[in-house]
N, C-alpha and C. Protein backbone atom coordinates (compact mmCIF):
# COMPACT_ATOMS: atom_id res chain seq x y z
N MET A 1 104.68 92.48 153.12
CA MET A 1 104.90 93.59 154.57
C MET A 1 104.08 94.80 153.68
N SER A 2 102.93 95.10 154.19
CA SER A 2 101.98 96.31 153.50
C SER A 2 102.81 97.53 153.23
N LEU A 3 102.60 98.64 153.39
CA LEU A 3 103.14 100.27 152.60
C LEU A 3 103.58 100.69 153.96
N LEU A 4 102.44 100.79 155.31
CA LEU A 4 102.77 101.20 156.33
C LEU A 4 103.42 100.97 157.36
N ASN A 5 104.26 99.07 156.97
CA ASN A 5 104.89 98.78 157.85
C ASN A 5 106.00 99.12 157.92
N GLN A 6 105.86 98.50 156.14
CA GLN A 6 107.66 98.79 155.54
C GLN A 6 108.24 100.82 156.37
N MET A 7 106.94 101.59 156.39
CA MET A 7 107.42 102.81 156.35
C MET A 7 107.58 103.27 157.59
N ILE A 8 106.89 102.52 158.47
CA ILE A 8 107.32 102.59 159.97
C ILE A 8 108.21 101.80 160.00
N ARG A 9 109.03 100.68 160.41
CA ARG A 9 110.09 100.31 160.51
C ARG A 9 111.27 100.18 159.24
N GLY A 10 110.69 101.54 158.56
CA GLY A 10 112.18 102.21 157.76
C GLY A 10 112.55 101.13 156.34
N GLY A 11 111.25 100.87 155.92
CA GLY A 11 111.78 99.88 154.67
C GLY A 11 112.56 100.53 153.38
N LEU A 12 113.02 99.81 153.30
CA LEU A 12 114.25 100.55 151.83
C LEU A 12 113.15 101.34 150.69
N GLU A 13 111.97 100.48 150.54
CA GLU A 13 110.96 100.38 149.29
C GLU A 13 110.67 101.97 149.46
N CYS A 14 110.97 101.97 150.51
CA CYS A 14 109.94 103.93 150.65
C CYS A 14 111.14 104.65 150.19
N GLU A 15 111.99 104.28 150.73
CA GLU A 15 112.89 106.11 150.54
C GLU A 15 112.58 106.59 148.96
N ILE A 16 112.41 108.00 149.12
CA ILE A 16 112.52 108.65 147.55
C ILE A 16 113.58 108.79 147.11
N PRO A 17 113.78 108.85 145.58
CA PRO A 17 115.05 108.91 144.97
C PRO A 17 115.43 110.26 145.32
N ARG A 18 116.34 110.58 145.46
CA ARG A 18 116.80 111.70 145.45
C ARG A 18 115.97 112.73 144.59
N ALA A 19 116.85 112.57 143.31
CA ALA A 19 115.71 113.68 141.97
C ALA A 19 114.43 114.02 142.19
N TYR A 20 113.35 113.19 143.40
CA TYR A 20 111.65 113.56 143.58
C TYR A 20 111.89 114.02 144.72
N ALA A 21 113.11 113.95 145.59
CA ALA A 21 113.22 114.91 146.74
C ALA A 21 112.31 116.22 146.94
N PRO A 22 112.10 117.31 147.42
CA PRO A 22 111.43 118.15 147.70
C PRO A 22 113.11 118.56 147.74
N GLU A 23 112.86 120.41 146.42
CA GLU A 23 113.88 121.47 146.19
C GLU A 23 114.47 121.53 147.94
N GLY A 24 114.55 121.60 148.87
CA GLY A 24 115.15 121.91 150.39
C GLY A 24 115.53 121.02 151.14
N MET A 25 115.10 119.54 150.50
CA MET A 25 115.97 118.77 151.19
C MET A 25 116.89 118.58 150.23
N LYS A 26 117.18 118.44 149.35
CA LYS A 26 118.46 118.19 148.56
C LYS A 26 119.83 118.68 149.04
N ASN A 27 119.89 119.37 149.38
CA ASN A 27 121.48 120.02 150.31
C ASN A 27 120.78 120.18 152.12
N ALA A 28 120.08 119.70 152.12
CA ALA A 28 119.71 120.33 153.97
C ALA A 28 120.20 118.95 155.01
N LEU A 29 120.83 118.71 155.61
CA LEU A 29 121.21 117.65 156.27
C LEU A 29 119.93 117.34 156.87
N ALA A 30 120.68 115.86 156.97
CA ALA A 30 119.16 114.85 157.51
C ALA A 30 119.00 115.09 158.77
N ARG A 31 117.10 114.74 158.58
CA ARG A 31 116.60 114.73 159.58
C ARG A 31 115.64 113.92 159.25
N PRO A 32 115.03 113.64 160.25
CA PRO A 32 113.53 112.56 160.15
C PRO A 32 112.30 113.11 160.02
N ARG A 33 111.93 112.04 158.97
CA ARG A 33 110.78 112.87 158.03
C ARG A 33 109.69 112.45 158.81
N THR A 34 108.84 112.93 158.18
CA THR A 34 107.67 113.17 159.61
C THR A 34 106.92 111.84 158.52
N PHE A 35 105.76 111.15 159.74
CA PHE A 35 104.90 110.63 158.31
C PHE A 35 104.12 111.42 157.05
N ARG A 36 103.77 111.69 157.50
CA ARG A 36 103.06 113.35 156.65
C ARG A 36 103.83 113.41 155.59
N GLU A 37 104.82 114.00 155.81
CA GLU A 37 106.67 113.50 154.69
C GLU A 37 106.39 112.90 153.63
N THR A 38 106.82 111.80 154.30
CA THR A 38 106.88 110.73 153.57
C THR A 38 105.67 110.07 153.05
N ILE A 39 104.42 110.43 153.15
CA ILE A 39 103.89 109.92 152.60
C ILE A 39 103.43 111.14 150.96
N ALA A 40 104.28 112.36 151.05
CA ALA A 40 103.84 113.37 150.64
C ALA A 40 104.28 112.74 149.17
N ASP A 41 105.45 112.47 149.71
CA ASP A 41 106.98 112.75 148.75
C ASP A 41 106.35 111.26 148.09
N LEU A 42 106.02 110.23 148.20
CA LEU A 42 105.71 109.12 147.66
C LEU A 42 104.60 109.43 146.75
N ILE A 43 103.55 109.91 147.11
CA ILE A 43 102.63 110.62 146.14
C ILE A 43 103.48 111.89 144.65
N ALA A 44 104.43 112.62 145.27
CA ALA A 44 105.26 113.06 144.49
C ALA A 44 105.55 112.36 143.37
N TYR A 45 106.52 111.47 143.81
CA TYR A 45 107.36 110.11 143.36
C TYR A 45 106.75 109.65 142.04
N HIS A 46 104.78 108.76 142.63
CA HIS A 46 104.52 108.38 141.87
C HIS A 46 103.96 109.22 140.87
N GLU A 47 102.75 110.39 141.33
CA GLU A 47 102.87 111.10 139.74
C GLU A 47 103.41 111.57 139.15
N ALA A 48 105.01 111.90 138.89
CA ALA A 48 105.75 111.58 138.56
C ALA A 48 106.24 110.64 137.34
N LYS A 49 106.08 109.80 138.04
CA LYS A 49 105.69 108.14 137.17
C LYS A 49 105.00 108.24 136.68
N ILE A 50 103.60 108.69 136.76
CA ILE A 50 102.17 108.45 135.85
C ILE A 50 102.86 109.87 134.66
N LYS A 51 102.71 110.78 135.46
CA LYS A 51 103.06 111.81 134.02
C LYS A 51 104.08 111.24 132.31
N ASP A 52 104.88 110.51 133.30
CA ASP A 52 106.30 109.79 132.07
C ASP A 52 105.46 109.12 131.70
N LEU A 53 104.73 108.54 132.26
CA LEU A 53 104.37 106.52 131.35
C LEU A 53 102.72 107.31 130.23
N GLN A 54 101.85 108.30 130.84
CA GLN A 54 101.43 109.16 130.13
C GLN A 54 101.72 109.43 128.77
N ALA A 55 102.69 110.34 128.65
CA ALA A 55 103.49 111.21 127.92
C ALA A 55 104.00 110.22 127.16
N VAL A 56 104.25 108.88 126.99
CA VAL A 56 104.76 107.82 126.78
C VAL A 56 103.53 107.59 125.65
N ARG A 57 102.74 106.93 126.47
CA ARG A 57 101.30 106.47 125.85
C ARG A 57 100.84 107.04 124.34
N ASP A 58 100.72 108.73 124.87
CA ASP A 58 100.18 109.82 124.32
C ASP A 58 101.13 110.05 122.92
N SER A 59 102.71 109.56 123.08
CA SER A 59 102.91 109.56 122.03
C SER A 59 103.25 108.55 120.68
N LEU A 60 102.71 107.40 121.19
CA LEU A 60 102.87 106.19 120.58
C LEU A 60 102.19 106.27 119.04
N THR A 61 102.38 106.17 118.12
CA THR A 61 101.95 105.86 116.89
C THR A 61 101.45 104.43 116.70
N PRO A 62 100.75 104.44 116.04
CA PRO A 62 100.07 103.12 115.79
C PRO A 62 101.06 102.21 115.19
N GLU A 63 101.80 102.50 114.37
CA GLU A 63 102.99 101.74 114.32
C GLU A 63 103.68 101.49 114.85
N VAL A 64 104.08 101.65 115.97
CA VAL A 64 105.00 101.39 116.64
C VAL A 64 104.82 100.95 117.95
N GLU A 65 103.43 100.74 118.36
CA GLU A 65 102.31 100.06 119.02
C GLU A 65 101.96 98.95 118.88
N THR A 66 101.81 98.41 117.40
CA THR A 66 102.03 97.31 116.77
C THR A 66 103.31 96.44 117.38
N PHE A 67 104.45 97.47 116.34
CA PHE A 67 105.82 96.66 117.07
C PHE A 67 106.01 96.11 118.54
N VAL A 68 104.94 97.42 119.21
CA VAL A 68 105.70 96.71 120.80
C VAL A 68 105.23 95.44 121.35
N GLU A 69 103.56 95.29 121.15
CA GLU A 69 102.88 94.19 120.89
C GLU A 69 103.63 93.36 120.45
N ALA A 70 103.78 92.96 118.98
CA ALA A 70 104.61 92.19 118.77
C ALA A 70 105.38 91.81 119.20
N ILE A 71 106.24 92.04 119.89
CA ILE A 71 107.95 92.44 120.79
C ILE A 71 106.84 91.44 121.89
N GLN A 72 106.21 91.68 122.19
CA GLN A 72 106.00 91.42 123.65
C GLN A 72 104.89 90.04 123.56
N LYS A 73 104.30 89.53 122.03
CA LYS A 73 103.75 87.81 122.39
C LYS A 73 104.65 87.22 122.22
N LEU A 74 105.98 87.96 120.77
CA LEU A 74 107.22 86.86 121.15
C LEU A 74 107.91 86.33 122.67
N GLY A 75 108.15 87.40 123.70
CA GLY A 75 108.08 86.48 124.85
C GLY A 75 109.01 87.76 125.01
């Protein structure tokens, strides 16, 4: 099912974890989210994940990278 269909039909895959929800929404009563708000929340959620992954990549030393690649080859 496409991302658009999941969002329209309320698929759980598109719900944003509370940790990434906008500050004003953490303590607010539940109200229907607009399509635009849902897209904005998804973008913010994935941007945060990208920043975390970039930080991990940038902190890798050559020794750690070699070790991780060796572990991946083992299965």
